Amino acid sequence: MVAEKVFTQLRRGTLEYCVLALLQGEERYGFDLVKALGEIDGMVTTEGTIYPLLARLRREGLVETSWRESESGPPRRYYRSTKEGSQALADFTADWERFRTSVDTILRRGIEGSQG
């Protein structure tokens, strides 16, 4: 397992794009995003992380919100990706694939070199 500090930095750097991915074609409220991320190994997060992130994404025009009545409790703010959010996700995905391939190539060389 990667050292916890490094893993935390990787998660922090990619979390906003994971949230944008979860909002593609689907509206979700904040706690629903926390639950969805928590179901994925290594992506457990808290409301204290998600809500400030969603507020920033909203300010940047990457998500829009709407209020809806809840069957249990107060109204909920639902989030959905904007066109700009979808484009930011597409751009990140292309960069991520290139980055991941580069890192994988270097790691393979290191492993092969240590075995030779």
N, C-alpha and C. Protein backbone atom coordinates (compact mmCIF):
# COMPACT_ATOMS: atom_id res chain seq x y z
N MET A 1 0.84 -1.19 0.00
CA MET A 1 0.00 0.00 0.00
C MET A 1 0.88 1.24 0.00
N VAL A 2 0.48 2.23 -0.73
CA VAL A 2 1.21 3.49 -0.81
C VAL A 2 1.19 4.14 0.58
N ALA A 3 2.28 4.82 0.90
CA ALA A 3 2.31 5.53 2.17
C ALA A 3 1.07 6.41 2.29
N GLU A 4 0.50 6.47 3.47
CA GLU A 4 -0.77 7.16 3.68
C GLU A 4 -0.72 8.62 3.23
N LYS A 5 0.38 9.30 3.46
CA LYS A 5 0.51 10.71 3.07
C LYS A 5 0.39 10.86 1.56
N VAL A 6 1.06 9.99 0.82
CA VAL A 6 1.01 10.05 -0.65
C VAL A 6 -0.39 9.72 -1.14
N PHE A 7 -0.99 8.70 -0.56
CA PHE A 7 -2.34 8.31 -0.97
C PHE A 7 -3.34 9.43 -0.71
N THR A 8 -3.20 10.09 0.43
CA THR A 8 -4.08 11.21 0.76
C THR A 8 -3.95 12.33 -0.26
N GLN A 9 -2.73 12.62 -0.67
CA GLN A 9 -2.50 13.66 -1.67
C GLN A 9 -3.10 13.27 -3.02
N LEU A 10 -2.96 12.01 -3.40
CA LEU A 10 -3.57 11.55 -4.66
C LEU A 10 -5.09 11.69 -4.61
N ARG A 11 -5.67 11.27 -3.50
CA ARG A 11 -7.14 11.36 -3.35
C ARG A 11 -7.58 12.82 -3.38
N ARG A 12 -6.87 13.67 -2.67
CA ARG A 12 -7.23 15.09 -2.62
C ARG A 12 -7.17 15.72 -4.01
N GLY A 13 -6.18 15.34 -4.80
CA GLY A 13 -6.02 15.91 -6.13
C GLY A 13 -7.04 15.43 -7.15
N THR A 14 -7.67 14.31 -6.86
CA THR A 14 -8.62 13.75 -7.84
C THR A 14 -10.07 13.78 -7.38
N LEU A 15 -10.31 14.11 -6.12
CA LEU A 15 -11.67 14.03 -5.57
C LEU A 15 -12.68 14.86 -6.34
N GLU A 16 -12.33 16.08 -6.73
CA GLU A 16 -13.32 16.91 -7.42
C GLU A 16 -13.74 16.28 -8.74
N TYR A 17 -12.82 15.59 -9.41
CA TYR A 17 -13.18 14.95 -10.67
C TYR A 17 -13.99 13.68 -10.45
N CYS A 18 -13.73 13.00 -9.34
CA CYS A 18 -14.57 11.85 -8.99
C CYS A 18 -16.00 12.32 -8.71
N VAL A 19 -16.14 13.45 -8.03
CA VAL A 19 -17.47 14.01 -7.76
C VAL A 19 -18.14 14.41 -9.07
N LEU A 20 -17.40 15.08 -9.95
CA LEU A 20 -17.98 15.46 -11.26
C LEU A 20 -18.41 14.21 -12.03
N ALA A 21 -17.63 13.14 -11.95
CA ALA A 21 -17.99 11.89 -12.64
C ALA A 21 -19.30 11.33 -12.08
N LEU A 22 -19.46 11.38 -10.76
CA LEU A 22 -20.69 10.88 -10.14
C LEU A 22 -21.90 11.73 -10.49
N LEU A 23 -21.66 12.97 -10.90
CA LEU A 23 -22.78 13.87 -11.24
C LEU A 23 -23.11 13.88 -12.73
N GLN A 24 -22.44 13.08 -13.51
CA GLN A 24 -22.73 13.04 -14.94
C GLN A 24 -24.07 12.34 -15.18
N GLY A 25 -25.02 13.08 -15.70
CA GLY A 25 -26.32 12.50 -16.03
C GLY A 25 -27.19 12.18 -14.83
N GLU A 26 -26.78 12.64 -13.65
CA GLU A 26 -27.54 12.31 -12.45
C GLU A 26 -27.38 13.42 -11.41
N GLU A 27 -28.48 13.83 -10.82
CA GLU A 27 -28.44 14.79 -9.72
C GLU A 27 -28.29 14.02 -8.42
N ARG A 28 -27.50 14.58 -7.52
CA ARG A 28 -27.30 13.94 -6.21
C ARG A 28 -27.21 15.03 -5.15
N TYR A 29 -27.54 14.68 -3.93
CA TYR A 29 -27.34 15.60 -2.83
C TYR A 29 -26.03 15.23 -2.13
N GLY A 30 -25.51 16.13 -1.31
CA GLY A 30 -24.18 15.98 -0.75
C GLY A 30 -23.94 14.67 -0.02
N PHE A 31 -24.84 14.30 0.89
CA PHE A 31 -24.62 13.08 1.65
C PHE A 31 -24.66 11.85 0.75
N ASP A 32 -25.45 11.90 -0.32
CA ASP A 32 -25.49 10.80 -1.28
C ASP A 32 -24.12 10.63 -1.95
N LEU A 33 -23.45 11.75 -2.23
CA LEU A 33 -22.10 11.68 -2.79
C LEU A 33 -21.12 11.07 -1.79
N VAL A 34 -21.24 11.45 -0.52
CA VAL A 34 -20.39 10.87 0.52
C VAL A 34 -20.57 9.35 0.56
N LYS A 35 -21.83 8.90 0.51
CA LYS A 35 -22.11 7.46 0.54
C LYS A 35 -21.55 6.76 -0.70
N ALA A 36 -21.76 7.35 -1.88
CA ALA A 36 -21.29 6.75 -3.12
C ALA A 36 -19.77 6.62 -3.13
N LEU A 37 -19.08 7.66 -2.69
CA LEU A 37 -17.62 7.60 -2.63
C LEU A 37 -17.16 6.58 -1.59
N GLY A 38 -17.86 6.49 -0.47
CA GLY A 38 -17.51 5.55 0.59
C GLY A 38 -17.62 4.10 0.17
N GLU A 39 -18.39 3.83 -0.87
CA GLU A 39 -18.53 2.46 -1.36
C GLU A 39 -17.36 2.03 -2.24
N ILE A 40 -16.47 2.96 -2.55
CA ILE A 40 -15.33 2.69 -3.43
C ILE A 40 -14.07 2.67 -2.57
N ASP A 41 -13.33 1.58 -2.63
CA ASP A 41 -12.13 1.42 -1.81
C ASP A 41 -11.18 2.60 -2.00
N GLY A 42 -10.78 3.20 -0.90
CA GLY A 42 -9.82 4.30 -0.94
C GLY A 42 -10.43 5.67 -1.13
N MET A 43 -11.74 5.77 -1.29
CA MET A 43 -12.37 7.07 -1.56
C MET A 43 -13.26 7.55 -0.43
N VAL A 44 -13.17 6.92 0.73
CA VAL A 44 -13.98 7.34 1.86
C VAL A 44 -13.69 8.80 2.18
N THR A 45 -14.74 9.58 2.33
CA THR A 45 -14.60 11.00 2.65
C THR A 45 -15.73 11.39 3.59
N THR A 46 -15.75 12.63 3.99
CA THR A 46 -16.75 13.10 4.95
C THR A 46 -17.53 14.28 4.38
N GLU A 47 -18.62 14.61 5.04
CA GLU A 47 -19.40 15.78 4.65
C GLU A 47 -18.56 17.04 4.79
N GLY A 48 -17.65 17.05 5.78
CA GLY A 48 -16.79 18.20 5.99
C GLY A 48 -15.82 18.45 4.84
N THR A 49 -15.61 17.46 4.03
CA THR A 49 -14.78 17.61 2.82
C THR A 49 -15.65 17.89 1.61
N ILE A 50 -16.77 17.18 1.49
CA ILE A 50 -17.61 17.27 0.29
C ILE A 50 -18.31 18.63 0.16
N TYR A 51 -18.89 19.13 1.23
CA TYR A 51 -19.66 20.37 1.09
C TYR A 51 -18.82 21.58 0.69
N PRO A 52 -17.63 21.78 1.28
CA PRO A 52 -16.79 22.88 0.78
C PRO A 52 -16.36 22.67 -0.68
N LEU A 53 -16.10 21.43 -1.06
CA LEU A 53 -15.75 21.12 -2.44
C LEU A 53 -16.91 21.46 -3.37
N LEU A 54 -18.11 21.05 -3.01
CA LEU A 54 -19.28 21.36 -3.83
C LEU A 54 -19.52 22.86 -3.93
N ALA A 55 -19.29 23.59 -2.84
CA ALA A 55 -19.44 25.05 -2.87
C ALA A 55 -18.44 25.67 -3.84
N ARG A 56 -17.21 25.17 -3.84
CA ARG A 56 -16.21 25.69 -4.77
C ARG A 56 -16.57 25.36 -6.21
N LEU A 57 -17.00 24.12 -6.46
CA LEU A 57 -17.40 23.73 -7.82
C LEU A 57 -18.56 24.59 -8.30
N ARG A 58 -19.45 24.93 -7.40
CA ARG A 58 -20.59 25.79 -7.75
C ARG A 58 -20.11 27.20 -8.10
N ARG A 59 -19.22 27.76 -7.30
CA ARG A 59 -18.67 29.09 -7.57
C ARG A 59 -17.93 29.13 -8.92
N GLU A 60 -17.27 28.02 -9.24
CA GLU A 60 -16.51 27.94 -10.49
C GLU A 60 -17.39 27.62 -11.70
N GLY A 61 -18.70 27.40 -11.46
CA GLY A 61 -19.62 27.13 -12.55
C GLY A 61 -19.57 25.70 -13.08
N LEU A 62 -18.99 24.79 -12.30
CA LEU A 62 -18.88 23.40 -12.75
C LEU A 62 -20.07 22.55 -12.32
N VAL A 63 -20.82 23.03 -11.32
CA VAL A 63 -22.07 22.37 -10.91
C VAL A 63 -23.14 23.42 -10.69
N GLU A 64 -24.38 23.00 -10.82
CA GLU A 64 -25.55 23.83 -10.51
C GLU A 64 -26.30 23.13 -9.40
N THR A 65 -27.14 23.89 -8.71
CA THR A 65 -27.90 23.30 -7.62
C THR A 65 -29.38 23.64 -7.72
N SER A 66 -30.15 22.82 -7.05
CA SER A 66 -31.57 23.10 -6.88
C SER A 66 -32.00 22.51 -5.54
N TRP A 67 -33.01 23.12 -4.94
CA TRP A 67 -33.53 22.64 -3.67
C TRP A 67 -34.75 21.76 -3.92
N ARG A 68 -34.87 20.67 -3.16
CA ARG A 68 -36.04 19.79 -3.26
C ARG A 68 -36.47 19.39 -1.86
N GLU A 69 -37.76 19.23 -1.72
CA GLU A 69 -38.30 18.73 -0.46
C GLU A 69 -37.83 17.30 -0.25
N SER A 70 -37.60 16.97 0.99
CA SER A 70 -37.17 15.62 1.36
C SER A 70 -38.33 14.90 2.02
N GLU A 71 -38.43 13.59 1.79
CA GLU A 71 -39.47 12.80 2.43
C GLU A 71 -39.20 12.68 3.93
N SER A 72 -37.92 12.83 4.29
CA SER A 72 -37.56 12.72 5.70
C SER A 72 -36.63 13.87 6.08
N GLY A 73 -37.18 14.91 6.65
CA GLY A 73 -36.36 16.01 7.10
C GLY A 73 -36.46 17.25 6.23
N PRO A 74 -35.49 18.13 6.39
CA PRO A 74 -35.53 19.42 5.68
C PRO A 74 -35.26 19.26 4.18
N PRO A 75 -35.51 20.31 3.41
CA PRO A 75 -35.21 20.23 1.96
C PRO A 75 -33.72 19.95 1.74
N ARG A 76 -33.43 19.35 0.60
CA ARG A 76 -32.05 19.00 0.26
C ARG A 76 -31.61 19.79 -0.97
N ARG A 77 -30.35 20.15 -0.98
CA ARG A 77 -29.77 20.80 -2.16
C ARG A 77 -29.19 19.69 -3.03
N TYR A 78 -29.68 19.64 -4.26
CA TYR A 78 -29.19 18.66 -5.23
C TYR A 78 -28.20 19.34 -6.18
N TYR A 79 -27.19 18.59 -6.57
CA TYR A 79 -26.12 19.09 -7.43
C TYR A 79 -26.15 18.34 -8.75
N ARG A 80 -25.85 19.06 -9.82
CA ARG A 80 -25.73 18.43 -11.14
C ARG A 80 -24.59 19.13 -11.88
N SER A 81 -23.96 18.39 -12.75
CA SER A 81 -22.85 18.94 -13.51
C SER A 81 -23.37 19.89 -14.59
N THR A 82 -22.62 20.95 -14.84
CA THR A 82 -22.92 21.85 -15.96
C THR A 82 -22.13 21.38 -17.18
N LYS A 83 -22.33 22.04 -18.32
CA LYS A 83 -21.52 21.74 -19.50
C LYS A 83 -20.04 21.95 -19.20
N GLU A 84 -19.76 23.02 -18.45
CA GLU A 84 -18.37 23.31 -18.08
C GLU A 84 -17.80 22.23 -17.18
N GLY A 85 -18.64 21.70 -16.29
CA GLY A 85 -18.20 20.60 -15.42
C GLY A 85 -17.92 19.35 -16.22
N SER A 86 -18.77 19.06 -17.20
CA SER A 86 -18.55 17.89 -18.05
C SER A 86 -17.28 18.04 -18.87
N GLN A 87 -17.03 19.26 -19.35
CA GLN A 87 -15.81 19.52 -20.12
C GLN A 87 -14.57 19.40 -19.24
N ALA A 88 -14.65 19.93 -18.01
CA ALA A 88 -13.52 19.82 -17.08
C ALA A 88 -13.22 18.36 -16.79
N LEU A 89 -14.26 17.54 -16.64
CA LEU A 89 -14.07 16.11 -16.40
C LEU A 89 -13.43 15.44 -17.62
N ALA A 90 -13.90 15.78 -18.81
CA ALA A 90 -13.33 15.20 -20.03
C ALA A 90 -11.86 15.57 -20.17
N ASP A 91 -11.53 16.82 -19.88
CA ASP A 91 -10.13 17.28 -19.96
C ASP A 91 -9.27 16.54 -18.94
N PHE A 92 -9.77 16.45 -17.71
CA PHE A 92 -9.02 15.75 -16.67
C PHE A 92 -8.83 14.28 -17.04
N THR A 93 -9.87 13.64 -17.56
CA THR A 93 -9.79 12.23 -17.90
C THR A 93 -8.70 11.98 -18.94
N ALA A 94 -8.62 12.84 -19.94
CA ALA A 94 -7.57 12.70 -20.96
C ALA A 94 -6.19 12.89 -20.32
N ASP A 95 -6.04 13.90 -19.48
CA ASP A 95 -4.75 14.13 -18.81
C ASP A 95 -4.41 12.99 -17.87
N TRP A 96 -5.41 12.50 -17.14
CA TRP A 96 -5.20 11.41 -16.19
C TRP A 96 -4.74 10.15 -16.92
N GLU A 97 -5.37 9.83 -18.04
CA GLU A 97 -4.97 8.63 -18.79
C GLU A 97 -3.52 8.74 -19.26
N ARG A 98 -3.13 9.91 -19.73
CA ARG A 98 -1.75 10.12 -20.18
C ARG A 98 -0.79 10.01 -18.98
N PHE A 99 -1.14 10.63 -17.87
CA PHE A 99 -0.31 10.60 -16.66
C PHE A 99 -0.19 9.17 -16.14
N ARG A 100 -1.32 8.47 -16.04
CA ARG A 100 -1.32 7.09 -15.52
C ARG A 100 -0.46 6.19 -16.39
N THR A 101 -0.57 6.34 -17.71
CA THR A 101 0.23 5.53 -18.63
C THR A 101 1.71 5.82 -18.44
N SER A 102 2.06 7.08 -18.27
CA SER A 102 3.47 7.45 -18.06
C SER A 102 4.01 6.86 -16.76
N VAL A 103 3.25 6.98 -15.68
CA VAL A 103 3.68 6.42 -14.40
C VAL A 103 3.80 4.91 -14.50
N ASP A 104 2.82 4.25 -15.10
CA ASP A 104 2.87 2.79 -15.26
C ASP A 104 4.11 2.37 -16.04
N THR A 105 4.45 3.11 -17.09
CA THR A 105 5.62 2.80 -17.90
C THR A 105 6.89 2.88 -17.06
N ILE A 106 7.01 3.96 -16.29
CA ILE A 106 8.20 4.14 -15.45
C ILE A 106 8.27 3.05 -14.38
N LEU A 107 7.15 2.74 -13.74
CA LEU A 107 7.14 1.71 -12.71
C LEU A 107 7.51 0.35 -13.27
N ARG A 108 6.98 0.02 -14.45
CA ARG A 108 7.33 -1.26 -15.09
C ARG A 108 8.83 -1.34 -15.35
N ARG A 109 9.40 -0.25 -15.84
CA ARG A 109 10.85 -0.22 -16.10
C ARG A 109 11.61 -0.44 -14.81
N GLY A 110 11.17 0.19 -13.73
CA GLY A 110 11.84 0.02 -12.45
C GLY A 110 11.77 -1.40 -11.95
N ILE A 111 10.60 -2.01 -12.09
CA ILE A 111 10.43 -3.41 -11.64
C ILE A 111 11.26 -4.35 -12.51
N GLU A 112 11.21 -4.14 -13.83
CA GLU A 112 11.98 -4.99 -14.74
C GLU A 112 13.49 -4.82 -14.50
N GLY A 113 13.91 -3.57 -14.22
CA GLY A 113 15.32 -3.31 -13.98
C GLY A 113 15.80 -3.95 -12.69
N SER A 114 14.94 -4.02 -11.69
CA SER A 114 15.34 -4.60 -10.41
C SER A 114 15.39 -6.13 -10.47
N GLN A 115 14.72 -6.71 -11.48
CA GLN A 115 14.69 -8.17 -11.61
C GLN A 115 15.81 -8.67 -12.51
N GLY A 116 16.40 -7.75 -13.27
CA GLY A 116 17.40 -8.16 -14.26
C GLY A 116 18.73 -8.17 -13.70
